[in-house]
N, C-alpha and C. Protein backbone atom coordinates (compact mmCIF):
# COMPACT_ATOMS: atom_id res chain seq x y z
N MET A 1 0.81 -1.19 0.00
CA MET A 1 0.00 0.00 0.00
C MET A 1 0.86 1.26 0.00
N ASN A 2 2.04 1.17 0.62
CA ASN A 2 2.93 2.32 0.66
C ASN A 2 3.39 2.72 -0.73
N PHE A 3 3.56 1.73 -1.59
CA PHE A 3 4.00 2.03 -2.96
C PHE A 3 2.96 2.91 -3.66
N TYR A 4 1.70 2.57 -3.50
CA TYR A 4 0.64 3.33 -4.17
C TYR A 4 0.57 4.77 -3.65
N TYR A 5 0.73 4.92 -2.36
CA TYR A 5 0.71 6.27 -1.80
C TYR A 5 1.93 7.08 -2.26
N SER A 6 3.09 6.44 -2.33
CA SER A 6 4.27 7.16 -2.78
C SER A 6 4.16 7.50 -4.27
N ALA A 7 3.61 6.60 -5.08
CA ALA A 7 3.41 6.90 -6.51
C ALA A 7 2.40 8.03 -6.67
N LEU A 8 1.33 8.00 -5.88
CA LEU A 8 0.34 9.07 -5.92
C LEU A 8 0.96 10.40 -5.52
N PHE A 9 1.81 10.38 -4.51
CA PHE A 9 2.48 11.59 -4.05
C PHE A 9 3.40 12.16 -5.14
N VAL A 10 4.16 11.30 -5.78
CA VAL A 10 5.08 11.74 -6.85
C VAL A 10 4.28 12.34 -8.00
N PHE A 11 3.22 11.67 -8.43
CA PHE A 11 2.42 12.19 -9.54
C PHE A 11 1.67 13.46 -9.16
N ALA A 12 1.26 13.57 -7.91
CA ALA A 12 0.60 14.80 -7.47
C ALA A 12 1.57 15.97 -7.52
N ILE A 13 2.80 15.76 -7.09
CA ILE A 13 3.81 16.82 -7.17
C ILE A 13 4.10 17.16 -8.63
N LEU A 14 4.19 16.16 -9.46
CA LEU A 14 4.45 16.37 -10.88
C LEU A 14 3.32 17.16 -11.53
N ILE A 15 2.09 16.83 -11.23
CA ILE A 15 0.94 17.57 -11.79
C ILE A 15 0.94 19.01 -11.27
N TYR A 16 1.26 19.20 -10.00
CA TYR A 16 1.32 20.56 -9.44
C TYR A 16 2.38 21.39 -10.16
N VAL A 17 3.58 20.83 -10.35
CA VAL A 17 4.66 21.57 -11.00
C VAL A 17 4.30 21.86 -12.46
N ILE A 18 3.65 20.92 -13.13
CA ILE A 18 3.24 21.15 -14.52
C ILE A 18 2.20 22.26 -14.59
N SER A 19 1.28 22.27 -13.66
CA SER A 19 0.23 23.30 -13.70
C SER A 19 0.79 24.69 -13.34
N VAL A 20 1.83 24.75 -12.54
CA VAL A 20 2.40 26.03 -12.14
C VAL A 20 3.32 26.59 -13.23
N ASP A 21 4.16 25.76 -13.83
CA ASP A 21 5.15 26.24 -14.79
C ASP A 21 5.00 25.50 -16.11
N LYS A 22 4.75 26.27 -17.19
CA LYS A 22 4.56 25.70 -18.51
C LYS A 22 5.85 25.08 -19.05
N ASN A 23 7.00 25.61 -18.66
CA ASN A 23 8.27 25.09 -19.14
C ASN A 23 8.50 23.64 -18.70
N VAL A 24 8.00 23.28 -17.54
CA VAL A 24 8.14 21.91 -17.05
C VAL A 24 7.36 20.95 -17.95
N SER A 25 6.15 21.35 -18.32
CA SER A 25 5.36 20.49 -19.21
C SER A 25 6.02 20.37 -20.57
N ASP A 26 6.58 21.47 -21.07
CA ASP A 26 7.30 21.41 -22.35
C ASP A 26 8.52 20.49 -22.25
N ALA A 27 9.22 20.57 -21.14
CA ALA A 27 10.40 19.72 -20.96
C ALA A 27 10.01 18.25 -20.89
N ILE A 28 8.90 17.95 -20.23
CA ILE A 28 8.45 16.56 -20.14
C ILE A 28 8.03 16.05 -21.51
N VAL A 29 7.30 16.87 -22.27
CA VAL A 29 6.88 16.47 -23.60
C VAL A 29 8.09 16.22 -24.50
N LEU A 30 9.06 17.13 -24.43
CA LEU A 30 10.26 16.97 -25.25
C LEU A 30 11.09 15.76 -24.81
N SER A 31 11.14 15.49 -23.53
CA SER A 31 11.88 14.32 -23.04
C SER A 31 11.23 13.03 -23.53
N LEU A 32 9.90 12.99 -23.48
CA LEU A 32 9.21 11.80 -23.97
C LEU A 32 9.37 11.64 -25.47
N ARG A 33 9.37 12.75 -26.21
CA ARG A 33 9.59 12.69 -27.65
C ARG A 33 11.01 12.20 -27.96
N LEU A 34 11.98 12.67 -27.19
CA LEU A 34 13.36 12.23 -27.36
C LEU A 34 13.49 10.73 -27.09
N LEU A 35 12.81 10.25 -26.06
CA LEU A 35 12.82 8.83 -25.76
C LEU A 35 12.22 8.03 -26.91
N GLN A 36 11.11 8.52 -27.46
CA GLN A 36 10.47 7.83 -28.58
C GLN A 36 11.40 7.79 -29.79
N ILE A 37 12.07 8.87 -30.08
CA ILE A 37 12.99 8.92 -31.22
C ILE A 37 14.16 7.97 -31.01
N LYS A 38 14.70 7.93 -29.80
CA LYS A 38 15.81 7.04 -29.52
C LYS A 38 15.40 5.58 -29.65
N LEU A 39 14.19 5.24 -29.20
CA LEU A 39 13.71 3.87 -29.34
C LEU A 39 13.50 3.50 -30.81
N GLU A 40 12.95 4.42 -31.59
CA GLU A 40 12.79 4.16 -33.02
C GLU A 40 14.15 4.00 -33.69
N ARG A 41 15.10 4.82 -33.33
CA ARG A 41 16.45 4.72 -33.90
C ARG A 41 17.07 3.38 -33.55
N PHE A 42 16.91 2.95 -32.31
CA PHE A 42 17.44 1.66 -31.88
C PHE A 42 16.79 0.52 -32.66
N TYR A 43 15.48 0.60 -32.88
CA TYR A 43 14.76 -0.41 -33.65
C TYR A 43 15.30 -0.47 -35.08
N TRP A 44 15.45 0.68 -35.73
CA TRP A 44 15.94 0.72 -37.11
C TRP A 44 17.37 0.20 -37.19
N MET A 45 18.19 0.50 -36.18
CA MET A 45 19.57 0.01 -36.19
C MET A 45 19.61 -1.51 -36.07
N ILE A 46 18.73 -2.07 -35.27
CA ILE A 46 18.71 -3.53 -35.13
C ILE A 46 18.16 -4.19 -36.39
N VAL A 47 17.07 -3.68 -36.89
CA VAL A 47 16.41 -4.33 -38.02
C VAL A 47 17.23 -4.23 -39.30
N PHE A 48 17.85 -3.11 -39.56
CA PHE A 48 18.52 -2.90 -40.84
C PHE A 48 20.04 -2.94 -40.76
N HIS A 49 20.58 -3.49 -39.70
CA HIS A 49 22.03 -3.62 -39.62
C HIS A 49 22.48 -4.70 -40.60
N PRO A 50 23.55 -4.46 -41.38
CA PRO A 50 23.95 -5.43 -42.40
C PRO A 50 24.42 -6.77 -41.86
N LYS A 51 24.84 -6.84 -40.62
CA LYS A 51 25.32 -8.10 -40.07
C LYS A 51 24.26 -8.83 -39.25
N ASN A 52 23.02 -8.37 -39.32
CA ASN A 52 21.94 -9.03 -38.58
C ASN A 52 21.55 -10.30 -39.34
N PRO A 53 21.74 -11.49 -38.76
CA PRO A 53 21.48 -12.71 -39.51
C PRO A 53 20.01 -12.94 -39.84
N ILE A 54 19.12 -12.45 -39.01
CA ILE A 54 17.70 -12.67 -39.27
C ILE A 54 17.25 -11.88 -40.49
N THR A 55 17.63 -10.62 -40.56
CA THR A 55 17.22 -9.83 -41.72
C THR A 55 17.96 -10.29 -42.97
N ASN A 56 19.22 -10.71 -42.82
CA ASN A 56 19.94 -11.24 -43.98
C ASN A 56 19.26 -12.48 -44.53
N LEU A 57 18.80 -13.35 -43.66
CA LEU A 57 18.10 -14.55 -44.09
C LEU A 57 16.78 -14.21 -44.78
N ALA A 58 16.05 -13.26 -44.22
CA ALA A 58 14.78 -12.85 -44.83
C ALA A 58 15.00 -12.24 -46.21
N MET A 59 16.02 -11.42 -46.34
CA MET A 59 16.32 -10.83 -47.65
C MET A 59 16.80 -11.89 -48.62
N LYS A 60 17.55 -12.89 -48.15
CA LYS A 60 18.01 -13.96 -49.02
C LYS A 60 16.81 -14.71 -49.60
N TYR A 61 15.84 -15.05 -48.74
CA TYR A 61 14.65 -15.74 -49.23
C TYR A 61 13.88 -14.88 -50.22
N LYS A 62 13.79 -13.60 -49.92
CA LYS A 62 13.07 -12.68 -50.80
C LYS A 62 13.74 -12.61 -52.17
N TYR A 63 15.06 -12.47 -52.18
CA TYR A 63 15.78 -12.37 -53.45
C TYR A 63 15.81 -13.70 -54.20
N ASP A 64 15.87 -14.83 -53.47
CA ASP A 64 15.80 -16.13 -54.14
C ASP A 64 14.46 -16.33 -54.82
N LYS A 65 13.39 -15.94 -54.16
CA LYS A 65 12.06 -16.05 -54.75
C LYS A 65 11.95 -15.17 -55.99
N LEU A 66 12.47 -13.94 -55.90
CA LEU A 66 12.45 -13.04 -57.05
C LEU A 66 13.28 -13.60 -58.20
N ALA A 67 14.43 -14.19 -57.90
CA ALA A 67 15.28 -14.77 -58.94
C ALA A 67 14.58 -15.94 -59.62
N GLN A 68 13.88 -16.77 -58.86
CA GLN A 68 13.14 -17.89 -59.46
C GLN A 68 12.03 -17.39 -60.36
N GLU A 69 11.30 -16.37 -59.91
CA GLU A 69 10.24 -15.82 -60.75
C GLU A 69 10.80 -15.23 -62.04
N LEU A 70 11.91 -14.51 -61.93
CA LEU A 70 12.52 -13.93 -63.12
C LEU A 70 13.06 -15.01 -64.05
N TYR A 71 13.60 -16.08 -63.48
CA TYR A 71 14.11 -17.18 -64.30
C TYR A 71 12.97 -17.86 -65.05
N LYS A 72 11.86 -18.09 -64.38
CA LYS A 72 10.69 -18.69 -65.05
C LYS A 72 10.18 -17.78 -66.16
N GLU A 73 10.13 -16.50 -65.88
CA GLU A 73 9.67 -15.54 -66.88
C GLU A 73 10.63 -15.50 -68.07
N LEU A 74 11.93 -15.56 -67.81
CA LEU A 74 12.93 -15.53 -68.87
C LEU A 74 12.86 -16.79 -69.72
N THR A 75 12.75 -17.95 -69.09
CA THR A 75 12.68 -19.19 -69.86
C THR A 75 11.39 -19.26 -70.67
N ALA A 76 10.29 -18.77 -70.11
CA ALA A 76 9.04 -18.75 -70.86
C ALA A 76 9.16 -17.82 -72.06
N HIS A 77 9.80 -16.70 -71.89
CA HIS A 77 9.99 -15.75 -72.99
C HIS A 77 10.91 -16.34 -74.05
N GLN A 78 11.98 -17.02 -73.61
CA GLN A 78 12.90 -17.63 -74.57
C GLN A 78 12.25 -18.76 -75.34
N SER A 79 11.45 -19.59 -74.68
CA SER A 79 10.78 -20.69 -75.38
C SER A 79 9.75 -20.13 -76.35
N HIS A 80 9.08 -19.07 -75.99
CA HIS A 80 8.12 -18.44 -76.89
C HIS A 80 8.83 -17.85 -78.10
N ALA A 81 10.00 -17.26 -77.87
CA ALA A 81 10.76 -16.67 -78.98
C ALA A 81 11.29 -17.75 -79.91
N THR A 82 11.71 -18.90 -79.38
CA THR A 82 12.20 -19.97 -80.24
C THR A 82 11.07 -20.58 -81.04
N MET A 83 9.88 -20.67 -80.48
CA MET A 83 8.72 -21.19 -81.22
C MET A 83 8.37 -20.27 -82.37
N GLU A 84 8.43 -18.98 -82.12
CA GLU A 84 8.12 -18.02 -83.19
C GLU A 84 9.15 -18.08 -84.31
N SER A 85 10.42 -18.23 -83.96
CA SER A 85 11.46 -18.30 -85.00
C SER A 85 11.33 -19.58 -85.81
N GLU A 86 10.91 -20.70 -85.16
CA GLU A 86 10.72 -21.95 -85.90
C GLU A 86 9.54 -21.86 -86.85
N THR A 87 8.48 -21.19 -86.43
CA THR A 87 7.32 -21.06 -87.32
C THR A 87 7.62 -20.15 -88.48
N LYS A 88 8.48 -19.15 -88.29
CA LYS A 88 8.85 -18.26 -89.38
C LYS A 88 9.72 -18.97 -90.40
N LYS A 89 10.55 -19.92 -89.96
CA LYS A 89 11.42 -20.66 -90.86
C LYS A 89 10.62 -21.59 -91.76
N GLN A 90 9.51 -22.11 -91.30
CA GLN A 90 8.71 -23.05 -92.08
C GLN A 90 7.88 -22.28 -93.04
């Protein structure tokens, strides 16, 4: 129960200081924004780091799938082109 009273006391003082001085509220808002930006930066650094094995594996699968699709498309185009050239020769 003491924890709840102490948390209530801290927040009551914080609300009082915010209501008395606008600069305190601006500082709190800016501090929270800075925290949010730092967390987003940390997330982007982890996700897009070149030595991250999880993202490297995901990109490998993505590029392998794209290469297979392009290979199928290329072979289909080549077989279609050879059929057309054979029909023109006859």
